[in-house]
């Protein structure tokens, strides 16, 4: 559930919401939201449904891009980047891709 928690955090931060605001909208205590985001709780599907509804995303959206991680957390920042740009226009995504490509070319020199 840690990856689901990370996805919830990314979606919450994308909206610039506090844990308290998400908790209010989901009718869950904000400390519970924090524990969900850190993967510390065995969360019920009902709680996940409440969080998805509060974030106004389909339930399955919380499980998108979750793949088994290899050793370590190498995919954490990749999933954050993907979630950050998936709601942007194709033009914004293209510009971000070009910028990142340029930065990586510079780093690889």
Foldseek 3Di string as FASTA:
>chain_A
DQQLLLLLVLLCVLVPHQLCQLCVQLVHHSVVNVCSNRVNDPDDLSSLCSSCVSSVHPSCSSVPPDDDDDPDPVCSVVVSVCVNPVPPDPVVVVVVVVVVVVVVVVVVD
